């Protein structure tokens, strides 16, 4: 028996899926934790800020970077 909520994932990486969702619904909620929430637009801005910071430190596209964060939406 298959779960009624099951939907196959579209092709592409997690990054591709996020960017597609952000493009289709920029003001939609991308992240919700307790009373905090971020739209795709807000989260994309935060992600790009960190990505640009890593690029200035010499990290190249395709590099694997470990990140340790507290369990919180606050980045």
N, C-alpha and C. Protein backbone atom coordinates (compact mmCIF):
# COMPACT_ATOMS: atom_id res chain seq x y z
N UNK A 1 0.84 -1.18 0.00
CA UNK A 1 0.00 0.00 0.00
C UNK A 1 0.89 1.25 0.00
N UNK A 2 0.57 2.17 -0.85
CA UNK A 2 1.37 3.39 -0.98
C UNK A 2 0.74 4.50 -0.14
N UNK A 3 1.58 5.28 0.51
CA UNK A 3 1.14 6.43 1.30
C UNK A 3 0.40 7.41 0.39
N UNK A 4 -0.76 7.87 0.84
CA UNK A 4 -1.56 8.80 0.04
C UNK A 4 -0.88 10.17 -0.13
N UNK A 5 0.05 10.48 0.76
CA UNK A 5 0.74 11.76 0.69
C UNK A 5 1.98 11.69 -0.20
N UNK A 6 2.33 10.51 -0.67
CA UNK A 6 3.54 10.32 -1.47
C UNK A 6 3.43 11.06 -2.80
N UNK A 7 4.46 11.82 -3.09
CA UNK A 7 4.61 12.45 -4.40
C UNK A 7 6.05 12.28 -4.82
N UNK A 8 6.28 11.81 -6.03
CA UNK A 8 7.68 11.68 -6.47
C UNK A 8 8.33 13.06 -6.56
N UNK A 9 9.59 13.12 -6.18
CA UNK A 9 10.32 14.38 -6.26
C UNK A 9 10.69 14.70 -7.70
N UNK A 10 10.65 15.97 -8.06
CA UNK A 10 11.11 16.34 -9.40
C UNK A 10 12.61 16.10 -9.53
N UNK A 11 13.07 16.01 -10.73
CA UNK A 11 14.50 15.84 -10.99
C UNK A 11 15.25 17.10 -10.60
N UNK A 12 16.48 16.93 -10.16
CA UNK A 12 17.32 18.08 -9.81
C UNK A 12 17.81 17.99 -8.39
N UNK A 13 18.75 18.85 -8.08
CA UNK A 13 19.33 18.89 -6.74
C UNK A 13 18.40 19.64 -5.78
N UNK A 14 18.71 19.59 -4.50
CA UNK A 14 17.95 20.35 -3.52
C UNK A 14 18.03 21.84 -3.84
N UNK A 15 19.18 22.28 -4.27
CA UNK A 15 19.36 23.69 -4.66
C UNK A 15 18.44 24.03 -5.83
N UNK A 16 18.40 23.17 -6.83
CA UNK A 16 17.52 23.40 -7.99
C UNK A 16 16.06 23.48 -7.55
N UNK A 17 15.64 22.58 -6.66
CA UNK A 17 14.26 22.56 -6.18
C UNK A 17 13.93 23.83 -5.40
N UNK A 18 14.86 24.26 -4.54
CA UNK A 18 14.65 25.48 -3.77
C UNK A 18 14.53 26.68 -4.70
N UNK A 19 15.45 26.80 -5.64
CA UNK A 19 15.43 27.95 -6.56
C UNK A 19 14.16 27.97 -7.39
N UNK A 20 13.69 26.81 -7.79
CA UNK A 20 12.44 26.73 -8.55
C UNK A 20 11.26 27.19 -7.69
N UNK A 21 11.20 26.71 -6.45
CA UNK A 21 10.12 27.12 -5.55
C UNK A 21 10.19 28.60 -5.24
N UNK A 22 11.41 29.12 -5.05
CA UNK A 22 11.60 30.54 -4.76
C UNK A 22 11.14 31.40 -5.93
N UNK A 23 11.41 30.93 -7.13
CA UNK A 23 11.01 31.67 -8.33
C UNK A 23 9.49 31.65 -8.50
N UNK A 24 8.87 30.49 -8.26
CA UNK A 24 7.43 30.34 -8.45
C UNK A 24 6.61 31.03 -7.36
N UNK A 25 7.15 31.08 -6.13
CA UNK A 25 6.38 31.61 -5.01
C UNK A 25 7.30 32.35 -4.03
N UNK A 26 7.88 33.47 -4.45
CA UNK A 26 8.89 34.14 -3.63
C UNK A 26 8.39 34.58 -2.25
N UNK A 27 7.11 34.87 -2.12
CA UNK A 27 6.59 35.32 -0.83
C UNK A 27 5.97 34.19 -0.01
N UNK A 28 6.01 32.97 -0.53
CA UNK A 28 5.51 31.82 0.20
C UNK A 28 6.44 31.45 1.35
N UNK A 29 5.91 30.79 2.35
CA UNK A 29 6.71 30.40 3.51
C UNK A 29 7.62 29.23 3.14
N UNK A 30 8.92 29.46 3.30
CA UNK A 30 9.92 28.44 3.00
C UNK A 30 10.36 27.72 4.27
N UNK A 31 10.32 28.44 5.40
CA UNK A 31 10.81 27.89 6.66
C UNK A 31 9.96 28.43 7.80
N UNK A 32 9.45 27.53 8.62
CA UNK A 32 8.66 27.92 9.78
C UNK A 32 9.15 27.12 10.97
N UNK A 33 9.43 27.82 12.06
CA UNK A 33 9.90 27.19 13.29
C UNK A 33 9.29 27.97 14.45
N UNK A 34 8.40 27.31 15.17
CA UNK A 34 7.66 27.96 16.25
C UNK A 34 6.97 29.21 15.71
N UNK A 35 7.27 30.38 16.24
CA UNK A 35 6.58 31.59 15.78
C UNK A 35 7.34 32.33 14.68
N UNK A 36 8.52 31.84 14.32
CA UNK A 36 9.32 32.49 13.27
C UNK A 36 9.04 31.85 11.91
N UNK A 37 9.04 32.66 10.89
CA UNK A 37 8.93 32.13 9.53
C UNK A 37 9.70 33.02 8.57
N UNK A 38 10.15 32.42 7.48
CA UNK A 38 10.89 33.12 6.43
C UNK A 38 10.28 32.77 5.09
N UNK A 39 10.13 33.77 4.24
CA UNK A 39 9.66 33.53 2.88
C UNK A 39 10.82 32.98 2.05
N UNK A 40 10.50 32.44 0.89
CA UNK A 40 11.56 31.98 -0.01
C UNK A 40 12.48 33.14 -0.36
N UNK A 41 11.92 34.32 -0.57
CA UNK A 41 12.73 35.50 -0.91
C UNK A 41 13.71 35.82 0.21
N UNK A 42 13.22 35.84 1.47
CA UNK A 42 14.08 36.16 2.62
C UNK A 42 15.16 35.10 2.80
N UNK A 43 14.76 33.84 2.72
CA UNK A 43 15.72 32.76 2.91
C UNK A 43 16.77 32.74 1.79
N UNK A 44 16.34 33.00 0.58
CA UNK A 44 17.28 33.05 -0.55
C UNK A 44 18.31 34.16 -0.34
N UNK A 45 17.86 35.30 0.17
CA UNK A 45 18.78 36.42 0.44
C UNK A 45 19.82 36.03 1.49
N UNK A 46 19.38 35.36 2.55
CA UNK A 46 20.29 34.91 3.60
C UNK A 46 21.28 33.88 3.06
N UNK A 47 20.78 32.93 2.31
CA UNK A 47 21.64 31.88 1.73
C UNK A 47 22.69 32.50 0.82
N UNK A 48 22.28 33.45 -0.02
CA UNK A 48 23.23 34.09 -0.94
C UNK A 48 24.29 34.89 -0.18
N UNK A 49 23.89 35.49 0.94
CA UNK A 49 24.86 36.23 1.77
C UNK A 49 25.96 35.28 2.25
N UNK A 50 25.57 34.12 2.76
CA UNK A 50 26.56 33.15 3.23
C UNK A 50 27.38 32.57 2.07
N UNK A 51 26.73 32.32 0.96
CA UNK A 51 27.44 31.78 -0.21
C UNK A 51 28.50 32.77 -0.69
N UNK A 52 28.15 34.04 -0.75
CA UNK A 52 29.11 35.06 -1.17
C UNK A 52 30.26 35.20 -0.17
N UNK A 53 29.95 35.10 1.11
CA UNK A 53 31.00 35.14 2.13
C UNK A 53 31.98 33.98 1.93
N UNK A 54 31.45 32.78 1.70
CA UNK A 54 32.32 31.62 1.50
C UNK A 54 33.18 31.79 0.25
N UNK A 55 32.61 32.37 -0.80
CA UNK A 55 33.39 32.63 -2.02
C UNK A 55 34.55 33.57 -1.75
N UNK A 56 34.34 34.58 -0.90
CA UNK A 56 35.43 35.51 -0.57
C UNK A 56 36.53 34.83 0.24
N UNK A 57 36.21 33.71 0.87
CA UNK A 57 37.19 32.96 1.65
C UNK A 57 37.87 31.86 0.84
N UNK A 58 37.57 31.82 -0.47
CA UNK A 58 38.25 30.88 -1.35
C UNK A 58 37.51 29.58 -1.62
N UNK A 59 36.32 29.43 -1.05
CA UNK A 59 35.53 28.23 -1.33
C UNK A 59 35.04 28.33 -2.76
N UNK A 60 35.17 27.24 -3.50
CA UNK A 60 34.77 27.24 -4.90
C UNK A 60 33.47 26.47 -5.09
N UNK A 61 32.77 26.78 -6.17
CA UNK A 61 31.53 26.07 -6.49
C UNK A 61 31.82 24.58 -6.55
N UNK A 62 30.98 23.80 -5.88
CA UNK A 62 31.16 22.36 -5.86
C UNK A 62 31.92 21.86 -4.65
N UNK A 63 32.53 22.78 -3.89
CA UNK A 63 33.25 22.39 -2.68
C UNK A 63 32.27 21.92 -1.61
N UNK A 64 32.72 21.01 -0.78
CA UNK A 64 31.92 20.54 0.35
C UNK A 64 32.35 21.34 1.57
N UNK A 65 31.35 21.94 2.24
CA UNK A 65 31.62 22.78 3.40
C UNK A 65 30.74 22.30 4.55
N UNK A 66 31.36 21.99 5.67
CA UNK A 66 30.61 21.61 6.86
C UNK A 66 30.13 22.84 7.59
N UNK A 67 28.88 22.82 8.02
CA UNK A 67 28.32 23.96 8.75
C UNK A 67 27.64 23.42 10.00
N UNK A 68 27.94 24.04 11.13
CA UNK A 68 27.31 23.66 12.40
C UNK A 68 26.44 24.83 12.85
N UNK A 69 25.17 24.56 13.05
CA UNK A 69 24.23 25.59 13.50
C UNK A 69 23.37 25.04 14.62
N UNK A 70 22.92 25.93 15.49
CA UNK A 70 21.93 25.55 16.48
C UNK A 70 20.62 25.23 15.78
N UNK A 71 19.78 24.46 16.42
CA UNK A 71 18.47 24.11 15.85
C UNK A 71 17.56 25.33 16.01
N UNK A 72 17.56 26.15 15.00
CA UNK A 72 16.82 27.41 15.02
C UNK A 72 16.76 27.94 13.60
N UNK A 73 15.74 28.70 13.28
CA UNK A 73 15.69 29.29 11.93
C UNK A 73 16.61 30.50 11.81
N UNK A 74 17.10 31.00 12.91
CA UNK A 74 17.95 32.18 12.86
C UNK A 74 19.33 31.79 12.34
N UNK A 75 19.66 32.30 11.18
CA UNK A 75 20.94 31.98 10.58
C UNK A 75 21.89 33.11 10.87
